Structures are given as C-alpha cells and as structure tokens.
N, C-alpha and C. Protein backbone atom coordinates (compact mmCIF):
# COMPACT_ATOMS: atom_id res chain seq x y z
N MET A 1 6.93 -11.02 -26.91
CA MET A 1 7.16 -10.76 -25.49
C MET A 1 7.15 -12.09 -24.73
N LYS A 2 7.93 -12.12 -23.70
CA LYS A 2 7.98 -13.29 -22.83
C LYS A 2 7.69 -12.82 -21.42
N TRP A 3 6.62 -13.35 -20.84
CA TRP A 3 6.14 -12.83 -19.56
C TRP A 3 6.84 -13.43 -18.35
N TYR A 4 7.38 -14.63 -18.50
CA TYR A 4 8.00 -15.29 -17.35
C TYR A 4 9.39 -15.80 -17.70
N ALA A 5 10.25 -15.79 -16.69
CA ALA A 5 11.63 -16.26 -16.86
C ALA A 5 11.65 -17.79 -16.95
N ASP A 6 12.78 -18.32 -17.48
CA ASP A 6 12.96 -19.76 -17.56
C ASP A 6 13.53 -20.32 -16.26
N ARG A 7 14.37 -19.54 -15.62
CA ARG A 7 15.05 -20.03 -14.42
C ARG A 7 14.07 -20.06 -13.24
N PRO A 8 14.09 -21.14 -12.46
CA PRO A 8 13.07 -21.37 -11.43
C PRO A 8 12.95 -20.27 -10.38
N VAL A 9 14.08 -19.74 -9.92
CA VAL A 9 14.01 -18.74 -8.85
C VAL A 9 13.32 -17.47 -9.34
N ARG A 10 13.75 -16.99 -10.48
CA ARG A 10 13.13 -15.77 -11.01
C ARG A 10 11.68 -16.02 -11.42
N PHE A 11 11.42 -17.18 -12.00
CA PHE A 11 10.06 -17.55 -12.37
C PHE A 11 9.16 -17.54 -11.13
N ALA A 12 9.65 -18.14 -10.04
CA ALA A 12 8.86 -18.19 -8.80
C ALA A 12 8.60 -16.79 -8.26
N ARG A 13 9.62 -15.92 -8.30
CA ARG A 13 9.41 -14.54 -7.83
C ARG A 13 8.37 -13.82 -8.67
N GLN A 14 8.42 -14.04 -9.99
CA GLN A 14 7.45 -13.38 -10.86
C GLN A 14 6.04 -13.89 -10.61
N VAL A 15 5.89 -15.20 -10.44
CA VAL A 15 4.57 -15.77 -10.17
C VAL A 15 4.04 -15.26 -8.83
N ILE A 16 4.90 -15.22 -7.81
CA ILE A 16 4.47 -14.71 -6.50
C ILE A 16 4.07 -13.24 -6.60
N ALA A 17 4.85 -12.45 -7.32
CA ALA A 17 4.52 -11.03 -7.48
C ALA A 17 3.19 -10.86 -8.21
N ASP A 18 2.97 -11.65 -9.25
CA ASP A 18 1.70 -11.57 -9.98
C ASP A 18 0.54 -12.00 -9.09
N PHE A 19 0.74 -13.06 -8.31
CA PHE A 19 -0.30 -13.52 -7.41
C PHE A 19 -0.61 -12.48 -6.35
N LEU A 20 0.43 -11.83 -5.80
CA LEU A 20 0.21 -10.77 -4.80
C LEU A 20 -0.51 -9.58 -5.43
N ALA A 21 -0.19 -9.26 -6.67
CA ALA A 21 -0.90 -8.18 -7.36
C ALA A 21 -2.37 -8.53 -7.53
N PHE A 22 -2.64 -9.78 -7.90
CA PHE A 22 -4.02 -10.23 -8.03
C PHE A 22 -4.75 -10.16 -6.69
N LEU A 23 -4.08 -10.63 -5.61
CA LEU A 23 -4.69 -10.56 -4.28
C LEU A 23 -4.96 -9.12 -3.85
N TRP A 24 -4.04 -8.21 -4.18
CA TRP A 24 -4.22 -6.80 -3.87
C TRP A 24 -5.51 -6.28 -4.52
N ALA A 25 -5.69 -6.60 -5.79
CA ALA A 25 -6.88 -6.14 -6.51
C ALA A 25 -8.14 -6.76 -5.90
N VAL A 26 -8.10 -8.06 -5.61
CA VAL A 26 -9.27 -8.74 -5.03
C VAL A 26 -9.59 -8.16 -3.66
N LEU A 27 -8.56 -7.91 -2.86
CA LEU A 27 -8.77 -7.33 -1.52
C LEU A 27 -9.51 -6.00 -1.62
N TRP A 28 -9.09 -5.13 -2.52
CA TRP A 28 -9.71 -3.82 -2.62
C TRP A 28 -11.12 -3.89 -3.22
N VAL A 29 -11.36 -4.88 -4.07
CA VAL A 29 -12.74 -5.07 -4.56
C VAL A 29 -13.63 -5.49 -3.39
N TRP A 30 -13.11 -6.38 -2.54
CA TRP A 30 -13.88 -6.81 -1.37
C TRP A 30 -14.11 -5.65 -0.40
N VAL A 31 -13.05 -4.87 -0.12
CA VAL A 31 -13.19 -3.71 0.77
C VAL A 31 -14.21 -2.73 0.21
N ALA A 32 -14.13 -2.47 -1.10
CA ALA A 32 -15.06 -1.53 -1.73
C ALA A 32 -16.49 -2.04 -1.66
N SER A 33 -16.68 -3.33 -1.87
CA SER A 33 -18.02 -3.92 -1.81
C SER A 33 -18.57 -3.84 -0.39
N SER A 34 -17.73 -4.11 0.60
CA SER A 34 -18.15 -4.02 2.00
C SER A 34 -18.51 -2.59 2.38
N ALA A 35 -17.69 -1.63 1.95
CA ALA A 35 -17.97 -0.22 2.23
C ALA A 35 -19.27 0.22 1.55
N HIS A 36 -19.47 -0.24 0.32
CA HIS A 36 -20.70 0.07 -0.41
C HIS A 36 -21.92 -0.41 0.36
N ASP A 37 -21.86 -1.66 0.84
CA ASP A 37 -22.98 -2.21 1.60
C ASP A 37 -23.19 -1.47 2.92
N ALA A 38 -22.09 -1.10 3.57
CA ALA A 38 -22.20 -0.37 4.84
C ALA A 38 -22.85 0.99 4.64
N VAL A 39 -22.46 1.69 3.59
CA VAL A 39 -23.05 3.00 3.32
C VAL A 39 -24.53 2.85 2.93
N LEU A 40 -24.84 1.82 2.17
CA LEU A 40 -26.25 1.60 1.79
C LEU A 40 -27.14 1.34 2.99
N SER A 41 -26.56 0.81 4.07
CA SER A 41 -27.38 0.60 5.27
C SER A 41 -27.85 1.92 5.88
N LEU A 42 -27.20 3.02 5.49
CA LEU A 42 -27.59 4.33 6.00
C LEU A 42 -28.85 4.87 5.31
N ARG A 43 -29.38 4.13 4.34
CA ARG A 43 -30.58 4.60 3.66
C ARG A 43 -31.84 4.29 4.45
N ALA A 44 -31.73 3.54 5.56
CA ALA A 44 -32.91 3.16 6.35
C ALA A 44 -33.75 4.36 6.80
N PRO A 45 -33.14 5.45 7.29
CA PRO A 45 -33.97 6.61 7.64
C PRO A 45 -34.73 7.18 6.43
N GLY A 46 -34.11 7.16 5.27
CA GLY A 46 -34.79 7.62 4.07
C GLY A 46 -35.98 6.74 3.73
N ASP A 47 -35.80 5.43 3.88
CA ASP A 47 -36.92 4.51 3.66
C ASP A 47 -38.05 4.79 4.65
N GLY A 48 -37.66 5.09 5.90
CA GLY A 48 -38.67 5.42 6.92
C GLY A 48 -39.44 6.69 6.55
N LEU A 49 -38.71 7.69 6.04
CA LEU A 49 -39.39 8.93 5.62
C LEU A 49 -40.34 8.67 4.46
N VAL A 50 -39.93 7.85 3.51
CA VAL A 50 -40.80 7.54 2.37
C VAL A 50 -42.06 6.82 2.85
N ASN A 51 -41.87 5.83 3.74
CA ASN A 51 -43.02 5.10 4.25
C ASN A 51 -43.95 6.01 5.06
N ALA A 52 -43.36 6.85 5.92
CA ALA A 52 -44.18 7.76 6.72
C ALA A 52 -44.90 8.75 5.83
N GLY A 53 -44.19 9.32 4.86
CA GLY A 53 -44.81 10.28 3.95
C GLY A 53 -45.93 9.66 3.14
N SER A 54 -45.72 8.43 2.66
CA SER A 54 -46.76 7.74 1.89
C SER A 54 -47.96 7.45 2.78
N GLY A 55 -47.70 7.04 4.02
CA GLY A 55 -48.80 6.78 4.95
C GLY A 55 -49.61 8.03 5.24
N ILE A 56 -48.92 9.14 5.49
CA ILE A 56 -49.62 10.41 5.76
C ILE A 56 -50.42 10.85 4.53
N ARG A 57 -49.79 10.77 3.36
CA ARG A 57 -50.48 11.15 2.13
C ARG A 57 -51.75 10.32 1.92
N ASP A 58 -51.62 9.00 2.08
CA ASP A 58 -52.77 8.12 1.88
C ASP A 58 -53.87 8.40 2.90
N ALA A 59 -53.46 8.63 4.17
CA ALA A 59 -54.47 8.90 5.21
C ALA A 59 -55.22 10.20 4.91
N PHE A 60 -54.50 11.25 4.54
CA PHE A 60 -55.17 12.53 4.26
C PHE A 60 -55.97 12.46 2.96
N THR A 61 -55.49 11.69 2.00
CA THR A 61 -56.25 11.54 0.75
C THR A 61 -57.57 10.83 1.01
N ASN A 62 -57.55 9.76 1.80
CA ASN A 62 -58.78 9.05 2.15
C ASN A 62 -59.71 9.95 2.95
N ALA A 63 -59.13 10.69 3.89
CA ALA A 63 -59.96 11.59 4.71
C ALA A 63 -60.58 12.68 3.85
N ALA A 64 -59.81 13.20 2.88
CA ALA A 64 -60.34 14.25 2.00
C ALA A 64 -61.46 13.70 1.12
N ASP A 65 -61.32 12.46 0.66
CA ASP A 65 -62.36 11.85 -0.16
C ASP A 65 -63.65 11.65 0.64
N LYS A 66 -63.51 11.21 1.88
CA LYS A 66 -64.69 11.02 2.73
C LYS A 66 -65.31 12.35 3.14
N ALA A 67 -64.45 13.36 3.37
CA ALA A 67 -64.95 14.67 3.79
C ALA A 67 -65.74 15.34 2.68
N ARG A 68 -65.44 15.02 1.44
CA ARG A 68 -66.13 15.62 0.31
C ARG A 68 -67.61 15.24 0.30
N ARG A 69 -67.95 14.13 0.96
CA ARG A 69 -69.33 13.67 1.00
C ARG A 69 -70.16 14.37 2.08
N VAL A 70 -69.51 15.12 2.96
CA VAL A 70 -70.25 15.82 4.03
C VAL A 70 -71.04 16.96 3.39
N PRO A 71 -72.36 17.03 3.69
CA PRO A 71 -73.18 18.09 3.09
C PRO A 71 -72.72 19.48 3.54
N LEU A 72 -72.82 20.43 2.67
CA LEU A 72 -72.56 21.85 2.85
C LEU A 72 -71.06 22.20 3.00
N VAL A 73 -70.35 21.57 3.88
CA VAL A 73 -68.95 21.94 4.13
C VAL A 73 -67.97 20.92 3.56
N GLY A 74 -68.43 19.95 2.80
CA GLY A 74 -67.58 18.86 2.31
C GLY A 74 -66.42 19.34 1.46
N ASP A 75 -66.71 20.28 0.53
CA ASP A 75 -65.62 20.75 -0.35
C ASP A 75 -64.56 21.52 0.43
N ASP A 76 -65.00 22.37 1.36
CA ASP A 76 -64.04 23.14 2.16
C ASP A 76 -63.21 22.22 3.06
N LEU A 77 -63.87 21.27 3.65
CA LEU A 77 -63.17 20.33 4.53
C LEU A 77 -62.18 19.47 3.73
N SER A 78 -62.61 19.02 2.54
CA SER A 78 -61.73 18.23 1.68
C SER A 78 -60.51 19.05 1.25
N SER A 79 -60.76 20.32 0.95
CA SER A 79 -59.67 21.20 0.55
C SER A 79 -58.67 21.40 1.69
N ALA A 80 -59.17 21.53 2.90
CA ALA A 80 -58.29 21.71 4.06
C ALA A 80 -57.46 20.45 4.30
N LEU A 81 -58.05 19.29 4.11
CA LEU A 81 -57.31 18.04 4.30
C LEU A 81 -56.29 17.80 3.19
N GLY A 82 -56.46 18.47 2.06
CA GLY A 82 -55.51 18.35 0.95
C GLY A 82 -54.12 18.83 1.34
N GLY A 83 -54.03 19.77 2.29
CA GLY A 83 -52.73 20.23 2.77
C GLY A 83 -51.94 19.10 3.42
N GLY A 84 -52.65 18.22 4.10
CA GLY A 84 -51.99 17.05 4.70
C GLY A 84 -51.44 16.11 3.63
N THR A 85 -52.17 16.00 2.51
CA THR A 85 -51.69 15.17 1.41
C THR A 85 -50.38 15.72 0.85
N ARG A 86 -50.33 17.03 0.69
CA ARG A 86 -49.11 17.67 0.18
C ARG A 86 -47.96 17.51 1.18
N ALA A 87 -48.27 17.58 2.48
CA ALA A 87 -47.23 17.39 3.50
C ALA A 87 -46.66 15.97 3.42
N GLY A 88 -47.53 14.97 3.19
CA GLY A 88 -47.07 13.59 3.03
C GLY A 88 -46.17 13.44 1.81
N ASP A 89 -46.57 14.13 0.70
CA ASP A 89 -45.74 14.08 -0.50
C ASP A 89 -44.37 14.72 -0.26
N THR A 90 -44.36 15.82 0.48
CA THR A 90 -43.09 16.50 0.79
C THR A 90 -42.19 15.60 1.62
N LEU A 91 -42.79 14.94 2.62
CA LEU A 91 -42.02 14.04 3.48
C LEU A 91 -41.47 12.85 2.67
N ALA A 92 -42.27 12.27 1.81
CA ALA A 92 -41.82 11.16 0.96
C ALA A 92 -40.72 11.63 0.00
N GLY A 93 -40.87 12.85 -0.53
CA GLY A 93 -39.84 13.41 -1.43
C GLY A 93 -38.52 13.58 -0.71
N ALA A 94 -38.57 14.02 0.56
CA ALA A 94 -37.33 14.16 1.35
C ALA A 94 -36.68 12.80 1.56
N GLY A 95 -37.50 11.79 1.79
CA GLY A 95 -36.97 10.44 1.94
C GLY A 95 -36.31 9.94 0.66
N HIS A 96 -36.94 10.17 -0.48
CA HIS A 96 -36.36 9.77 -1.76
C HIS A 96 -35.04 10.50 -2.02
N ALA A 97 -34.98 11.78 -1.66
CA ALA A 97 -33.74 12.55 -1.85
C ALA A 97 -32.61 11.97 -0.99
N GLN A 98 -32.96 11.61 0.26
CA GLN A 98 -31.94 11.03 1.14
C GLN A 98 -31.47 9.68 0.60
N ILE A 99 -32.39 8.86 0.13
CA ILE A 99 -32.02 7.55 -0.43
C ILE A 99 -31.11 7.75 -1.64
N SER A 100 -31.46 8.68 -2.50
CA SER A 100 -30.65 8.95 -3.68
C SER A 100 -29.24 9.40 -3.31
N ALA A 101 -29.13 10.28 -2.30
CA ALA A 101 -27.82 10.76 -1.87
C ALA A 101 -26.98 9.62 -1.30
N VAL A 102 -27.60 8.74 -0.51
CA VAL A 102 -26.87 7.62 0.07
C VAL A 102 -26.42 6.66 -1.03
N GLU A 103 -27.28 6.37 -1.99
CA GLU A 103 -26.91 5.45 -3.07
C GLU A 103 -25.79 6.03 -3.94
N THR A 104 -25.86 7.33 -4.22
CA THR A 104 -24.81 7.97 -5.00
C THR A 104 -23.47 7.94 -4.26
N THR A 105 -23.52 8.24 -2.96
CA THR A 105 -22.30 8.20 -2.15
C THR A 105 -21.71 6.79 -2.11
N ALA A 106 -22.57 5.79 -1.93
CA ALA A 106 -22.10 4.40 -1.88
C ALA A 106 -21.45 4.00 -3.20
N PHE A 107 -22.06 4.40 -4.32
CA PHE A 107 -21.51 4.04 -5.63
C PHE A 107 -20.14 4.67 -5.84
N TRP A 108 -20.02 5.97 -5.61
CA TRP A 108 -18.74 6.66 -5.87
C TRP A 108 -17.66 6.25 -4.88
N LEU A 109 -18.06 5.91 -3.65
CA LEU A 109 -17.08 5.39 -2.69
C LEU A 109 -16.54 4.06 -3.17
N GLN A 110 -17.42 3.20 -3.67
CA GLN A 110 -16.98 1.91 -4.20
C GLN A 110 -16.05 2.09 -5.40
N VAL A 111 -16.40 3.00 -6.29
CA VAL A 111 -15.55 3.26 -7.46
C VAL A 111 -14.17 3.75 -7.01
N ALA A 112 -14.13 4.68 -6.06
CA ALA A 112 -12.85 5.23 -5.60
C ALA A 112 -12.01 4.17 -4.90
N LEU A 113 -12.67 3.34 -4.08
CA LEU A 113 -11.92 2.32 -3.34
C LEU A 113 -11.38 1.22 -4.25
N ILE A 114 -11.93 1.08 -5.42
CA ILE A 114 -11.38 0.13 -6.39
C ILE A 114 -10.36 0.82 -7.29
N ALA A 115 -10.73 1.99 -7.80
CA ALA A 115 -9.90 2.64 -8.82
C ALA A 115 -8.53 3.08 -8.27
N VAL A 116 -8.51 3.70 -7.10
CA VAL A 116 -7.24 4.24 -6.59
C VAL A 116 -6.21 3.14 -6.32
N PRO A 117 -6.55 2.07 -5.57
CA PRO A 117 -5.54 1.03 -5.35
C PRO A 117 -5.15 0.28 -6.62
N VAL A 118 -6.12 0.05 -7.51
CA VAL A 118 -5.79 -0.67 -8.75
C VAL A 118 -4.90 0.20 -9.64
N MET A 119 -5.16 1.51 -9.70
CA MET A 119 -4.29 2.41 -10.46
C MET A 119 -2.89 2.43 -9.85
N PHE A 120 -2.81 2.45 -8.53
CA PHE A 120 -1.50 2.39 -7.85
C PHE A 120 -0.78 1.10 -8.24
N LEU A 121 -1.51 -0.01 -8.24
CA LEU A 121 -0.93 -1.29 -8.63
C LEU A 121 -0.42 -1.25 -10.06
N LEU A 122 -1.22 -0.69 -10.95
CA LEU A 122 -0.81 -0.64 -12.36
C LEU A 122 0.39 0.28 -12.57
N ILE A 123 0.47 1.33 -11.78
CA ILE A 123 1.60 2.26 -11.91
C ILE A 123 2.89 1.65 -11.35
N VAL A 124 2.76 0.87 -10.27
CA VAL A 124 3.95 0.33 -9.61
C VAL A 124 4.36 -1.02 -10.21
N TRP A 125 3.42 -1.93 -10.38
CA TRP A 125 3.74 -3.32 -10.76
C TRP A 125 3.84 -3.51 -12.27
N LEU A 126 2.90 -2.96 -13.02
CA LEU A 126 2.83 -3.23 -14.45
C LEU A 126 4.07 -2.79 -15.23
N PRO A 127 4.67 -1.61 -14.96
CA PRO A 127 5.87 -1.24 -15.72
C PRO A 127 7.03 -2.24 -15.57
N PHE A 128 7.20 -2.80 -14.35
CA PHE A 128 8.25 -3.79 -14.16
C PHE A 128 7.99 -5.04 -14.99
N ARG A 129 6.72 -5.47 -15.00
CA ARG A 129 6.38 -6.68 -15.76
C ARG A 129 6.54 -6.44 -17.26
N LEU A 130 6.09 -5.27 -17.72
CA LEU A 130 6.22 -4.97 -19.15
C LEU A 130 7.68 -4.83 -19.56
N ARG A 131 8.48 -4.19 -18.71
CA ARG A 131 9.89 -4.03 -19.02
C ARG A 131 10.58 -5.39 -19.14
N PHE A 132 10.28 -6.29 -18.21
CA PHE A 132 10.86 -7.63 -18.31
C PHE A 132 10.41 -8.31 -19.59
N ALA A 133 9.12 -8.27 -19.88
CA ALA A 133 8.58 -8.96 -21.06
C ALA A 133 9.22 -8.44 -22.34
N LEU A 134 9.39 -7.13 -22.43
CA LEU A 134 9.98 -6.54 -23.63
C LEU A 134 11.47 -6.90 -23.74
N ARG A 135 12.20 -6.78 -22.63
CA ARG A 135 13.63 -7.09 -22.65
C ARG A 135 13.87 -8.57 -22.92
N ALA A 136 13.10 -9.43 -22.27
CA ALA A 136 13.27 -10.87 -22.48
C ALA A 136 12.89 -11.25 -23.90
N GLY A 137 11.82 -10.68 -24.42
CA GLY A 137 11.42 -10.97 -25.79
C GLY A 137 12.48 -10.54 -26.79
N ALA A 138 13.05 -9.37 -26.58
CA ALA A 138 14.10 -8.88 -27.48
C ALA A 138 15.34 -9.77 -27.40
N ALA A 139 15.71 -10.19 -26.20
CA ALA A 139 16.89 -11.06 -26.03
C ALA A 139 16.65 -12.40 -26.71
N LEU A 140 15.45 -12.93 -26.60
CA LEU A 140 15.15 -14.21 -27.25
C LEU A 140 15.17 -14.09 -28.77
N ARG A 141 14.70 -12.96 -29.28
CA ARG A 141 14.76 -12.74 -30.73
C ARG A 141 16.22 -12.65 -31.20
N LEU A 142 17.05 -11.97 -30.42
CA LEU A 142 18.48 -11.90 -30.77
C LEU A 142 19.11 -13.29 -30.73
N ARG A 143 18.77 -14.06 -29.71
CA ARG A 143 19.33 -15.40 -29.59
C ARG A 143 18.86 -16.28 -30.76
N ALA A 144 17.58 -16.19 -31.08
CA ALA A 144 17.04 -17.01 -32.18
C ALA A 144 17.66 -16.61 -33.52
N GLY A 145 17.99 -15.33 -33.66
CA GLY A 145 18.61 -14.86 -34.90
C GLY A 145 20.11 -15.08 -34.94
N GLY A 146 20.66 -15.66 -33.88
CA GLY A 146 22.09 -15.92 -33.85
C GLY A 146 22.93 -14.68 -33.57
N SER A 147 22.33 -13.64 -33.03
CA SER A 147 23.05 -12.39 -32.76
C SER A 147 23.67 -12.41 -31.37
N THR A 148 24.57 -13.35 -31.13
CA THR A 148 25.21 -13.40 -29.83
C THR A 148 26.12 -12.20 -29.61
N ASP A 149 26.62 -11.60 -30.70
CA ASP A 149 27.47 -10.41 -30.57
C ASP A 149 26.70 -9.28 -29.90
N LEU A 150 25.43 -9.09 -30.30
CA LEU A 150 24.63 -8.02 -29.71
C LEU A 150 24.30 -8.31 -28.25
N LEU A 151 24.02 -9.58 -27.94
CA LEU A 151 23.78 -9.94 -26.54
C LEU A 151 25.05 -9.71 -25.71
N ALA A 152 26.20 -10.06 -26.28
CA ALA A 152 27.47 -9.85 -25.57
C ALA A 152 27.72 -8.36 -25.37
N LEU A 153 27.43 -7.55 -26.39
CA LEU A 153 27.59 -6.10 -26.26
C LEU A 153 26.68 -5.56 -25.15
N ARG A 154 25.46 -6.06 -25.10
CA ARG A 154 24.53 -5.64 -24.04
C ARG A 154 25.10 -6.01 -22.67
N ALA A 155 25.69 -7.21 -22.59
CA ALA A 155 26.31 -7.63 -21.32
C ALA A 155 27.46 -6.71 -20.95
N LEU A 156 28.25 -6.30 -21.94
CA LEU A 156 29.38 -5.40 -21.67
C LEU A 156 28.90 -4.07 -21.09
N THR A 157 27.73 -3.63 -21.51
CA THR A 157 27.23 -2.32 -21.04
C THR A 157 26.40 -2.42 -19.77
N SER A 158 25.94 -3.64 -19.42
CA SER A 158 25.05 -3.71 -18.26
C SER A 158 25.63 -4.46 -17.07
N LEU A 159 26.59 -5.34 -17.28
CA LEU A 159 27.15 -6.10 -16.15
C LEU A 159 28.17 -5.26 -15.39
N SER A 160 28.34 -5.60 -14.13
CA SER A 160 29.32 -4.86 -13.32
C SER A 160 30.74 -5.25 -13.73
N GLY A 161 31.70 -4.41 -13.39
CA GLY A 161 33.10 -4.66 -13.73
C GLY A 161 33.60 -5.96 -13.11
N ARG A 162 33.15 -6.26 -11.90
CA ARG A 162 33.56 -7.49 -11.22
C ARG A 162 33.07 -8.72 -11.99
N GLU A 163 31.83 -8.67 -12.47
CA GLU A 163 31.30 -9.79 -13.24
C GLU A 163 32.02 -9.93 -14.58
N LEU A 164 32.34 -8.80 -15.21
CA LEU A 164 33.03 -8.85 -16.50
C LEU A 164 34.45 -9.42 -16.36
N ALA A 165 35.09 -9.14 -15.24
CA ALA A 165 36.46 -9.61 -15.02
C ALA A 165 36.53 -11.13 -14.93
N ARG A 166 35.44 -11.79 -14.66
CA ARG A 166 35.43 -13.26 -14.59
C ARG A 166 35.66 -13.90 -15.95
N PHE A 167 35.27 -13.22 -17.00
CA PHE A 167 35.36 -13.80 -18.34
C PHE A 167 36.74 -13.61 -18.96
N SER A 168 37.31 -12.44 -18.72
CA SER A 168 38.58 -12.11 -19.37
C SER A 168 39.16 -10.90 -18.66
N SER A 169 40.46 -10.72 -18.81
CA SER A 169 41.07 -9.52 -18.21
C SER A 169 40.60 -8.27 -18.93
N ASP A 170 40.27 -8.39 -20.21
CA ASP A 170 39.75 -7.27 -20.99
C ASP A 170 38.63 -7.80 -21.90
N PRO A 171 37.42 -7.95 -21.37
CA PRO A 171 36.35 -8.55 -22.16
C PRO A 171 35.97 -7.70 -23.37
N ALA A 172 36.10 -6.38 -23.28
CA ALA A 172 35.75 -5.53 -24.42
C ALA A 172 36.71 -5.81 -25.59
N ALA A 173 38.01 -5.93 -25.29
CA ALA A 173 38.98 -6.24 -26.34
C ALA A 173 38.72 -7.62 -26.93
N ALA A 174 38.37 -8.59 -26.05
CA ALA A 174 38.05 -9.94 -26.53
C ALA A 174 36.81 -9.91 -27.41
N TRP A 175 35.83 -9.09 -27.03
CA TRP A 175 34.60 -8.97 -27.85
C TRP A 175 34.94 -8.36 -29.22
N ARG A 176 35.76 -7.28 -29.21
CA ARG A 176 36.16 -6.64 -30.47
C ARG A 176 36.95 -7.59 -31.35
N ALA A 177 37.78 -8.44 -30.73
CA ALA A 177 38.60 -9.39 -31.48
C ALA A 177 37.78 -10.58 -31.97
N GLY A 178 36.55 -10.70 -31.48
CA GLY A 178 35.69 -11.80 -31.92
C GLY A 178 36.01 -13.12 -31.24
N ASP A 179 36.54 -13.06 -30.01
CA ASP A 179 36.83 -14.28 -29.24
C ASP A 179 35.50 -14.99 -28.95
N ASP A 180 35.25 -16.09 -29.66
CA ASP A 180 33.95 -16.78 -29.56
C ASP A 180 33.63 -17.24 -28.15
N GLN A 181 34.62 -17.68 -27.42
CA GLN A 181 34.39 -18.17 -26.07
C GLN A 181 33.90 -17.04 -25.16
N VAL A 182 34.56 -15.88 -25.24
CA VAL A 182 34.16 -14.73 -24.42
C VAL A 182 32.80 -14.20 -24.87
N VAL A 183 32.59 -14.11 -26.19
CA VAL A 183 31.31 -13.62 -26.72
C VAL A 183 30.17 -14.53 -26.28
N ASP A 184 30.36 -15.84 -26.38
CA ASP A 184 29.31 -16.79 -25.97
C ASP A 184 29.03 -16.69 -24.47
N GLU A 185 30.11 -16.54 -23.70
CA GLU A 185 29.92 -16.44 -22.24
C GLU A 185 29.20 -15.14 -21.87
N LEU A 186 29.57 -14.04 -22.53
CA LEU A 186 28.88 -12.77 -22.26
C LEU A 186 27.41 -12.86 -22.67
N ALA A 187 27.12 -13.46 -23.81
CA ALA A 187 25.73 -13.62 -24.26
C ALA A 187 24.96 -14.50 -23.29
N ARG A 188 25.60 -15.58 -22.84
CA ARG A 188 24.94 -16.47 -21.86
C ARG A 188 24.64 -15.73 -20.57
N ARG A 189 25.62 -14.92 -20.15
CA ARG A 189 25.44 -14.18 -18.89
C ARG A 189 24.33 -13.13 -19.03
N GLN A 190 24.23 -12.50 -20.20
CA GLN A 190 23.16 -11.52 -20.42
C GLN A 190 21.79 -12.20 -20.36
N LEU A 191 21.68 -13.37 -20.98
CA LEU A 191 20.42 -14.11 -20.90
C LEU A 191 20.12 -14.52 -19.46
N ALA A 192 21.18 -14.92 -18.73
CA ALA A 192 21.00 -15.35 -17.34
C ALA A 192 20.51 -14.21 -16.46
N THR A 193 20.99 -12.97 -16.72
CA THR A 193 20.51 -11.84 -15.91
C THR A 193 19.02 -11.60 -16.10
N LEU A 194 18.49 -12.02 -17.25
CA LEU A 194 17.05 -11.90 -17.50
C LEU A 194 16.29 -13.15 -17.05
N GLY A 195 17.02 -14.14 -16.55
CA GLY A 195 16.38 -15.36 -16.11
C GLY A 195 16.06 -16.30 -17.25
N LEU A 196 16.79 -16.15 -18.37
CA LEU A 196 16.54 -16.98 -19.54
C LEU A 196 17.67 -18.00 -19.71
N ARG A 197 17.31 -19.13 -20.31
CA ARG A 197 18.34 -20.13 -20.63
C ARG A 197 18.88 -19.90 -22.00
N GLN A 198 20.12 -20.27 -22.21
CA GLN A 198 20.72 -20.06 -23.54
C GLN A 198 20.30 -21.18 -24.47
C-alpha cells in the first residue's frame, strides 16, 4: 500500500486532510475532557452530604458513648442517641450515591463525546484513505511488473471520453493493436490520476 501521492498538489491535500482528521480527534478529546471535568464539579453537593453525614454520625456516636456512662438511664439514653448515628450513616450513604452517579455520568459522557465523533471520522475519512492506498499500491505493483497494458486498460475504463480523445481518435483500437505510444500514455495518465509518477 502507498499512503501518499508523489505529485505535490495531491500529496499536500492528503497531508492537510490527515492533519485535519487528527485535529478533529484532538478537539473532541479536549471537549470530552472539559465536559468530564464540568460534570465532576457537580459532585460537590454529594461531598457535602458525606461530610455532613459523617459529622452527624460521629457526634451522635460520641454522645451515645458518653451517655452510656450516666447511671441508671445510660443504656436507654445511649440507645436513643444511636438513631442519630444511623441518620448520619443514611445521609453519608446518600452523598456517596450522588457522587457515584455524577462520576458514572461524567465517565460515559466523556466516552460518548470521544467515540461518536471519532467513529464518524473513521467512517467518513478512513475509507477514502484506504481506497487510495490500495489503488495506488496496486498501480505501483503493475508498473513495477511492467504491466503497462493493464494500467492502460484501467485508464480506458476510468478516464472521461474527452481525456481519452487527447491520445488518439480511437484509443481502444490503438490499445488492442498494441500501439506502444498510446499504451504508455494511457498508463502514464492512469498513474497521474492517482497522483503517482511513472
């Protein structure tokens, strides 16, 4: 396979197209990263809930431990304060759930913002590049093998009638007759349409 043309104009177009494809991918990675960070900033309320829940749990746990030392009613009082500990755990659990939801959303948003544009790029840009590489590689193999007849035949089937008329009044008849000048010119023209030198 040959990825780039020999002729400067086509080579420049291919390099520019490849560079733009690269920029497209980099742009969407940057957009996805920025969106990921923006969504992650929404986890602040969840962090607040975790901190508040932990604070409430610790306060009620300490109070329950101290209440246990009160004579006669210590166990009952400690048990009553245990409900506050459970409330703190519930509040912290809600905060963790919110943080988890925000992180999951941020991750999948980043994946989607990268995958969709890059897949679009691969569907639109890559087939053109592969088609050129395969066609140019095949033409170069034919040229290296001395098969100018096959290149000329390809030119007869792919060039416009106006372009064919430049070589001969009847290029197909000249090709069949083995007119070396017409065959060489058709082969050269076929290579030129691919941006290759003869």
